[in-house]
């Protein structure tokens, strides 16, 4: 019995670099890396470089709270 092989879904759009993703979100690239580390922005390392789909950046924006509160030590409180 052979297994049906699933074909990956096509990307359908140009992948963005870390710098381009930061420009889209109007953030510093270091800030984008921090959101990646926290699992808040979806990205992949391809060829040793971060790559992002625009729809993942849009989802990050849509899911972000309207206003973030920050504590005295600079940590975000949700």
PDB file of N, CA and C in Angstrom:
ATOM      1  N   UNK A   1       0.851  -1.180   0.000  1.00  0.00           N
ATOM      2  CA  UNK A   1       0.000   0.000   0.000  1.00  0.00           C
ATOM      3  C   UNK A   1       0.892   1.236   0.000  1.00  0.00           C
ATOM      4  N   UNK A   2       0.653   2.132  -0.923  1.00  0.00           N
ATOM      5  CA  UNK A   2       1.464   3.349  -0.998  1.00  0.00           C
ATOM      6  C   UNK A   2       0.707   4.512  -0.402  1.00  0.00           C
ATOM      7  N   UNK A   3       1.453   5.393   0.186  1.00  0.00           N
ATOM      8  CA  UNK A   3       0.863   6.594   0.775  1.00  0.00           C
ATOM      9  C   UNK A   3       0.724   7.683  -0.272  1.00  0.00           C
ATOM     10  N   UNK A   4      -0.356   8.412  -0.197  1.00  0.00           N
ATOM     11  CA  UNK A   4      -0.524   9.559  -1.087  1.00  0.00           C
ATOM     12  C   UNK A   4       0.427  10.653  -0.620  1.00  0.00           C
ATOM     13  N   UNK A   5       1.190  11.190  -1.527  1.00  0.00           N
ATOM     14  CA  UNK A   5       2.151  12.226  -1.186  1.00  0.00           C
ATOM     15  C   UNK A   5       1.485  13.584  -1.292  1.00  0.00           C
ATOM     16  N   UNK A   6       1.560  14.329  -0.204  1.00  0.00           N
ATOM     17  CA  UNK A   6       0.959  15.661  -0.194  1.00  0.00           C
ATOM     18  C   UNK A   6       1.904  16.649  -0.858  1.00  0.00           C
ATOM     19  N   UNK A   7       1.386  17.395  -1.762  1.00  0.00           N
ATOM     20  CA  UNK A   7       2.162  18.453  -2.407  1.00  0.00           C
ATOM     21  C   UNK A   7       2.091  19.697  -1.535  1.00  0.00           C
ATOM     22  N   UNK A   8       3.200  20.382  -1.357  1.00  0.00           N
ATOM     23  CA  UNK A   8       3.160  21.613  -0.563  1.00  0.00           C
ATOM     24  C   UNK A   8       2.333  22.682  -1.262  1.00  0.00           C
ATOM     25  N   UNK A   9       1.698  23.498  -0.454  1.00  0.00           N
ATOM     26  CA  UNK A   9       0.917  24.598  -1.025  1.00  0.00           C
ATOM     27  C   UNK A   9       1.870  25.607  -1.637  1.00  0.00           C
ATOM     28  N   UNK A  10       1.521  26.163  -2.788  1.00  0.00           N
ATOM     29  CA  UNK A  10       2.403  27.152  -3.412  1.00  0.00           C
ATOM     30  C   UNK A  10       2.460  28.430  -2.570  1.00  0.00           C
ATOM     31  N   UNK A  11       3.617  29.063  -2.574  1.00  0.00           N
ATOM     32  CA  UNK A  11       3.787  30.295  -1.813  1.00  0.00           C
ATOM     33  C   UNK A  11       2.926  31.395  -2.427  1.00  0.00           C
ATOM     34  N   UNK A  12       2.981  31.529  -3.745  1.00  0.00           N
ATOM     35  CA  UNK A  12       2.096  32.468  -4.423  1.00  0.00           C
ATOM     36  C   UNK A  12       2.467  33.930  -4.280  1.00  0.00           C
ATOM     37  N   UNK A  13       3.560  34.216  -3.640  1.00  0.00           N
ATOM     38  CA  UNK A  13       3.986  35.601  -3.519  1.00  0.00           C
ATOM     39  C   UNK A  13       5.487  35.631  -3.256  1.00  0.00           C
ATOM     40  N   UNK A  14       6.071  36.778  -3.461  1.00  0.00           N
ATOM     41  CA  UNK A  14       7.502  36.958  -3.225  1.00  0.00           C
ATOM     42  C   UNK A  14       7.763  36.954  -1.728  1.00  0.00           C
ATOM     43  N   UNK A  15       8.785  36.243  -1.307  1.00  0.00           N
ATOM     44  CA  UNK A  15       9.159  36.227   0.102  1.00  0.00           C
ATOM     45  C   UNK A  15       9.923  37.508   0.430  1.00  0.00           C
ATOM     46  N   UNK A  16       9.721  37.989   1.643  1.00  0.00           N
ATOM     47  CA  UNK A  16      10.367  39.227   2.079  1.00  0.00           C
ATOM     48  C   UNK A  16      11.569  38.910   2.950  1.00  0.00           C
ATOM     49  N   UNK A  17      12.586  39.757   2.876  1.00  0.00           N
ATOM     50  CA  UNK A  17      13.750  39.638   3.748  1.00  0.00           C
ATOM     51  C   UNK A  17      13.410  40.231   5.106  1.00  0.00           C
ATOM     52  N   UNK A  18      14.311  40.059   6.064  1.00  0.00           N
ATOM     53  CA  UNK A  18      14.121  40.644   7.388  1.00  0.00           C
ATOM     54  C   UNK A  18      13.977  42.159   7.289  1.00  0.00           C
ATOM     55  N   UNK A  19      14.832  42.792   6.523  1.00  0.00           N
ATOM     56  CA  UNK A  19      14.780  44.252   6.370  1.00  0.00           C
ATOM     57  C   UNK A  19      13.462  44.695   5.733  1.00  0.00           C
ATOM     58  N   UNK A  20      13.022  43.970   4.706  1.00  0.00           N
ATOM     59  CA  UNK A  20      11.752  44.315   4.055  1.00  0.00           C
ATOM     60  C   UNK A  20      10.573  44.117   5.009  1.00  0.00           C
ATOM     61  N   UNK A  21      10.609  43.033   5.783  1.00  0.00           N
ATOM     62  CA  UNK A  21       9.541  42.795   6.758  1.00  0.00           C
ATOM     63  C   UNK A  21       9.505  43.917   7.786  1.00  0.00           C
ATOM     64  N   UNK A  22      10.676  44.338   8.245  1.00  0.00           N
ATOM     65  CA  UNK A  22      10.745  45.442   9.205  1.00  0.00           C
ATOM     66  C   UNK A  22      10.185  46.725   8.591  1.00  0.00           C
ATOM     67  N   UNK A  23      10.471  46.970   7.322  1.00  0.00           N
ATOM     68  CA  UNK A  23       9.933  48.156   6.646  1.00  0.00           C
ATOM     69  C   UNK A  23       8.417  48.094   6.554  1.00  0.00           C
ATOM     70  N   UNK A  24       7.884  46.924   6.220  1.00  0.00           N
ATOM     71  CA  UNK A  24       6.430  46.761   6.124  1.00  0.00           C
ATOM     72  C   UNK A  24       5.778  47.093   7.461  1.00  0.00           C
ATOM     73  N   UNK A  25       6.366  46.590   8.547  1.00  0.00           N
ATOM     74  CA  UNK A  25       5.799  46.798   9.880  1.00  0.00           C
ATOM     75  C   UNK A  25       6.246  48.116  10.507  1.00  0.00           C
ATOM     76  N   UNK A  26       7.156  48.813   9.850  1.00  0.00           N
ATOM     77  CA  UNK A  26       7.716  50.073  10.354  1.00  0.00           C
ATOM     78  C   UNK A  26       8.352  49.868  11.724  1.00  0.00           C
ATOM     79  N   UNK A  27       9.161  48.793  11.802  1.00  0.00           N
ATOM     80  CA  UNK A  27       9.890  48.434  13.013  1.00  0.00           C
ATOM     81  C   UNK A  27      11.368  48.287  12.674  1.00  0.00           C
ATOM     82  N   UNK A  28      12.198  48.278  13.682  1.00  0.00           N
ATOM     83  CA  UNK A  28      13.614  48.006  13.504  1.00  0.00           C
ATOM     84  C   UNK A  28      13.774  46.502  13.284  1.00  0.00           C
ATOM     85  N   UNK A  29      14.712  46.065  12.433  1.00  0.00           N
ATOM     86  CA  UNK A  29      14.916  44.622  12.232  1.00  0.00           C
ATOM     87  C   UNK A  29      15.178  43.864  13.540  1.00  0.00           C
ATOM     88  N   UNK A  30      15.846  44.497  14.491  1.00  0.00           N
ATOM     89  CA  UNK A  30      16.097  43.854  15.784  1.00  0.00           C
ATOM     90  C   UNK A  30      14.781  43.561  16.500  1.00  0.00           C
ATOM     91  N   UNK A  31      13.818  44.468  16.376  1.00  0.00           N
ATOM     92  CA  UNK A  31      12.509  44.271  16.997  1.00  0.00           C
ATOM     93  C   UNK A  31      11.776  43.114  16.331  1.00  0.00           C
ATOM     94  N   UNK A  32      11.872  43.024  15.014  1.00  0.00           N
ATOM     95  CA  UNK A  32      11.242  41.913  14.287  1.00  0.00           C
ATOM     96  C   UNK A  32      11.854  40.599  14.742  1.00  0.00           C
ATOM     97  N   UNK A  33      13.176  40.550  14.911  1.00  0.00           N
ATOM     98  CA  UNK A  33      13.829  39.327  15.405  1.00  0.00           C
ATOM     99  C   UNK A  33      13.302  38.938  16.789  1.00  0.00           C
ATOM    100  N   UNK A  34      13.056  39.916  17.637  1.00  0.00           N
ATOM    101  CA  UNK A  34      12.534  39.632  18.971  1.00  0.00           C
ATOM    102  C   UNK A  34      11.126  39.027  18.881  1.00  0.00           C
ATOM    103  N   UNK A  35      10.293  39.566  18.003  1.00  0.00           N
ATOM    104  CA  UNK A  35       8.955  38.998  17.815  1.00  0.00           C
ATOM    105  C   UNK A  35       9.037  37.570  17.267  1.00  0.00           C
ATOM    106  N   UNK A  36      10.013  37.306  16.407  1.00  0.00           N
ATOM    107  CA  UNK A  36      10.217  35.947  15.897  1.00  0.00           C
ATOM    108  C   UNK A  36      10.590  35.030  17.055  1.00  0.00           C
ATOM    109  N   UNK A  37      11.532  35.471  17.890  1.00  0.00           N
ATOM    110  CA  UNK A  37      11.990  34.680  19.032  1.00  0.00           C
ATOM    111  C   UNK A  37      10.828  34.329  19.958  1.00  0.00           C
ATOM    112  N   UNK A  38       9.907  35.269  20.127  1.00  0.00           N
ATOM    113  CA  UNK A  38       8.739  35.049  20.985  1.00  0.00           C
ATOM    114  C   UNK A  38       7.660  34.209  20.305  1.00  0.00           C
ATOM    115  N   UNK A  39       7.815  33.957  19.019  1.00  0.00           N
ATOM    116  CA  UNK A  39       6.822  33.188  18.284  1.00  0.00           C
ATOM    117  C   UNK A  39       5.629  34.021  17.837  1.00  0.00           C
ATOM    118  N   UNK A  40       5.776  35.335  17.831  1.00  0.00           N
ATOM    119  CA  UNK A  40       4.669  36.216  17.463  1.00  0.00           C
ATOM    120  C   UNK A  40       4.637  36.526  15.973  1.00  0.00           C
ATOM    121  N   UNK A  41       5.771  36.376  15.300  1.00  0.00           N
ATOM    122  CA  UNK A  41       5.841  36.545  13.844  1.00  0.00           C
ATOM    123  C   UNK A  41       6.372  35.245  13.276  1.00  0.00           C
ATOM    124  N   UNK A  42       5.720  34.771  12.231  1.00  0.00           N
ATOM    125  CA  UNK A  42       6.118  33.545  11.548  1.00  0.00           C
ATOM    126  C   UNK A  42       7.164  33.889  10.490  1.00  0.00           C
ATOM    127  N   UNK A  43       8.250  33.149  10.489  1.00  0.00           N
ATOM    128  CA  UNK A  43       9.292  33.331   9.485  1.00  0.00           C
ATOM    129  C   UNK A  43      10.084  32.043   9.353  1.00  0.00           C
ATOM    130  N   UNK A  44      10.886  31.969   8.308  1.00  0.00           N
ATOM    131  CA  UNK A  44      11.715  30.789   8.067  1.00  0.00           C
ATOM    132  C   UNK A  44      13.116  31.249   7.680  1.00  0.00           C
ATOM    133  N   UNK A  45      14.097  30.468   8.064  1.00  0.00           N
ATOM    134  CA  UNK A  45      15.453  30.715   7.592  1.00  0.00           C
ATOM    135  C   UNK A  45      15.642  29.864   6.349  1.00  0.00           C
ATOM    136  N   UNK A  46      15.879  30.526   5.238  1.00  0.00           N
ATOM    137  CA  UNK A  46      16.089  29.859   3.953  1.00  0.00           C
ATOM    138  C   UNK A  46      17.409  30.382   3.403  1.00  0.00           C
ATOM    139  N   UNK A  47      18.328  29.481   3.146  1.00  0.00           N
ATOM    140  CA  UNK A  47      19.628  29.899   2.643  1.00  0.00           C
ATOM    141  C   UNK A  47      20.380  30.788   3.615  1.00  0.00           C
ATOM    142  N   UNK A  48      20.159  30.568   4.911  1.00  0.00           N
ATOM    143  CA  UNK A  48      20.853  31.333   5.931  1.00  0.00           C
ATOM    144  C   UNK A  48      20.281  32.720   6.187  1.00  0.00           C
ATOM    145  N   UNK A  49      19.149  33.038   5.573  1.00  0.00           N
ATOM    146  CA  UNK A  49      18.528  34.358   5.717  1.00  0.00           C
ATOM    147  C   UNK A  49      17.067  34.197   6.125  1.00  0.00           C
ATOM    148  N   UNK A  50      16.592  35.097   6.967  1.00  0.00           N
ATOM    149  CA  UNK A  50      15.171  35.085   7.333  1.00  0.00           C
ATOM    150  C   UNK A  50      14.335  35.466   6.129  1.00  0.00           C
ATOM    151  N   UNK A  51      13.208  34.762   5.962  1.00  0.00           N
ATOM    152  CA  UNK A  51      12.249  35.051   4.893  1.00  0.00           C
ATOM    153  C   UNK A  51      10.848  35.040   5.500  1.00  0.00           C
ATOM    154  N   UNK A  52       9.988  35.912   4.981  1.00  0.00           N
ATOM    155  CA  UNK A  52       8.644  36.097   5.519  1.00  0.00           C
ATOM    156  C   UNK A  52       7.636  36.177   4.391  1.00  0.00           C
ATOM    157  N   UNK A  53       6.446  35.666   4.683  1.00  0.00           N
ATOM    158  CA  UNK A  53       5.324  35.851   3.760  1.00  0.00           C
ATOM    159  C   UNK A  53       4.554  37.089   4.221  1.00  0.00           C
ATOM    160  N   UNK A  54       4.096  37.874   3.277  1.00  0.00           N
ATOM    161  CA  UNK A  54       3.358  39.085   3.614  1.00  0.00           C
ATOM    162  C   UNK A  54       2.113  38.751   4.431  1.00  0.00           C
ATOM    163  N   UNK A  55       1.458  37.639   4.113  1.00  0.00           N
ATOM    164  CA  UNK A  55       0.236  37.302   4.851  1.00  0.00           C
ATOM    165  C   UNK A  55       0.532  37.027   6.322  1.00  0.00           C
ATOM    166  N   UNK A  56       1.742  36.526   6.653  1.00  0.00           N
ATOM    167  CA  UNK A  56       2.104  36.307   8.052  1.00  0.00           C
ATOM    168  C   UNK A  56       2.332  37.635   8.773  1.00  0.00           C
ATOM    169  N   UNK A  57       2.894  38.603   8.072  1.00  0.00           N
ATOM    170  CA  UNK A  57       3.072  39.940   8.658  1.00  0.00           C
ATOM    171  C   UNK A  57       1.715  40.596   8.873  1.00  0.00           C
ATOM    172  N   UNK A  58       0.816  40.436   7.906  1.00  0.00           N
ATOM    173  CA  UNK A  58      -0.533  40.984   8.041  1.00  0.00           C
ATOM    174  C   UNK A  58      -1.255  40.339   9.230  1.00  0.00           C
ATOM    175  N   UNK A  59      -1.075  39.018   9.407  1.00  0.00           N
ATOM    176  CA  UNK A  59      -1.708  38.314  10.527  1.00  0.00           C
ATOM    177  C   UNK A  59      -1.150  38.823  11.858  1.00  0.00           C
ATOM    178  N   UNK A  60       0.165  39.070  11.923  1.00  0.00           N
ATOM    179  CA  UNK A  60       0.765  39.627  13.133  1.00  0.00           C
ATOM    180  C   UNK A  60       0.114  40.958  13.463  1.00  0.00           C
ATOM    181  N   UNK A  61      -0.032  41.805  12.464  1.00  0.00           N
ATOM    182  CA  UNK A  61      -0.643  43.123  12.671  1.00  0.00           C
ATOM    183  C   UNK A  61      -2.093  42.983  13.139  1.00  0.00           C
ATOM    184  N   UNK A  62      -2.854  42.133  12.485  1.00  0.00           N
ATOM    185  CA  UNK A  62      -4.270  41.961  12.817  1.00  0.00           C
ATOM    186  C   UNK A  62      -4.465  41.401  14.223  1.00  0.00           C
ATOM    187  N   UNK A  63      -3.545  40.545  14.666  1.00  0.00           N
ATOM    188  CA  UNK A  63      -3.671  39.903  15.973  1.00  0.00           C
ATOM    189  C   UNK A  63      -3.039  40.703  17.105  1.00  0.00           C
ATOM    190  N   UNK A  64      -2.322  41.755  16.778  1.00  0.00           N
ATOM    191  CA  UNK A  64      -1.658  42.566  17.810  1.00  0.00           C
ATOM    192  C   UNK A  64      -2.707  43.344  18.599  1.00  0.00           C
ATOM    193  N   UNK A  65      -2.493  43.488  19.907  1.00  0.00           N
ATOM    194  CA  UNK A  65      -3.416  44.299  20.696  1.00  0.00           C
ATOM    195  C   UNK A  65      -3.396  45.745  20.196  1.00  0.00           C
ATOM    196  N   UNK A  66      -4.484  46.433  20.357  1.00  0.00           N
ATOM    197  CA  UNK A  66      -4.553  47.835  19.901  1.00  0.00           C
ATOM    198  C   UNK A  66      -3.588  48.721  20.665  1.00  0.00           C
ATOM    199  N   UNK A  67      -3.311  48.353  21.920  1.00  0.00           N
ATOM    200  CA  UNK A  67      -2.395  49.149  22.731  1.00  0.00           C
ATOM    201  C   UNK A  67      -1.659  48.211  23.677  1.00  0.00           C
ATOM    202  N   UNK A  68      -0.339  48.286  23.682  1.00  0.00           N
ATOM    203  CA  UNK A  68       0.455  47.487  24.594  1.00  0.00           C
ATOM    204  C   UNK A  68       0.874  48.347  25.766  1.00  0.00           C
ATOM    205  N   UNK A  69       0.817  47.757  26.937  1.00  0.00           N
ATOM    206  CA  UNK A  69       1.269  48.424  28.150  1.00  0.00           C
ATOM    207  C   UNK A  69       2.680  47.919  28.454  1.00  0.00           C
ATOM    208  N   UNK A  70       3.568  48.815  28.841  1.00  0.00           N
ATOM    209  CA  UNK A  70       4.933  48.427  29.166  1.00  0.00           C
ATOM    210  C   UNK A  70       5.203  48.708  30.631  1.00  0.00           C
ATOM    211  N   UNK A  71       5.907  47.781  31.263  1.00  0.00           N
ATOM    212  CA  UNK A  71       6.266  47.949  32.673  1.00  0.00           C
ATOM    213  C   UNK A  71       7.487  48.858  32.782  1.00  0.00           C
ATOM    214  N   UNK A  72       7.882  49.166  33.996  1.00  0.00           N
ATOM    215  CA  UNK A  72       9.016  50.045  34.233  1.00  0.00           C
ATOM    216  C   UNK A  72      10.316  49.478  33.676  1.00  0.00           C
ATOM    217  N   UNK A  73      10.437  48.136  33.600  1.00  0.00           N
ATOM    218  CA  UNK A  73      11.668  47.533  33.083  1.00  0.00           C
ATOM    219  C   UNK A  73      11.637  47.338  31.578  1.00  0.00           C
ATOM    220  N   UNK A  74      10.623  47.845  30.904  1.00  0.00           N
ATOM    221  CA  UNK A  74      10.549  47.778  29.455  1.00  0.00           C
ATOM    222  C   UNK A  74       9.893  46.534  28.903  1.00  0.00           C
ATOM    223  N   UNK A  75       9.471  45.619  29.776  1.00  0.00           N
ATOM    224  CA  UNK A  75       8.794  44.416  29.339  1.00  0.00           C
ATOM    225  C   UNK A  75       7.331  44.723  29.012  1.00  0.00           C
ATOM    226  N   UNK A  76       6.848  44.071  27.976  1.00  0.00           N
ATOM    227  CA  UNK A  76       5.465  44.284  27.574  1.00  0.00           C
ATOM    228  C   UNK A  76       4.550  43.505  28.480  1.00  0.00           C
ATOM    229  N   UNK A  77       3.485  44.144  28.942  1.00  0.00           N
ATOM    230  CA  UNK A  77       2.451  43.491  29.742  1.00  0.00           C
ATOM    231  C   UNK A  77       1.227  43.348  28.855  1.00  0.00           C
ATOM    232  N   UNK A  78       0.653  42.146  28.811  1.00  0.00           N
ATOM    233  CA  UNK A  78      -0.523  41.953  27.953  1.00  0.00           C
ATOM    234  C   UNK A  78      -1.776  41.910  28.759  1.00  0.00           C
TER     235      UNK A  78
END
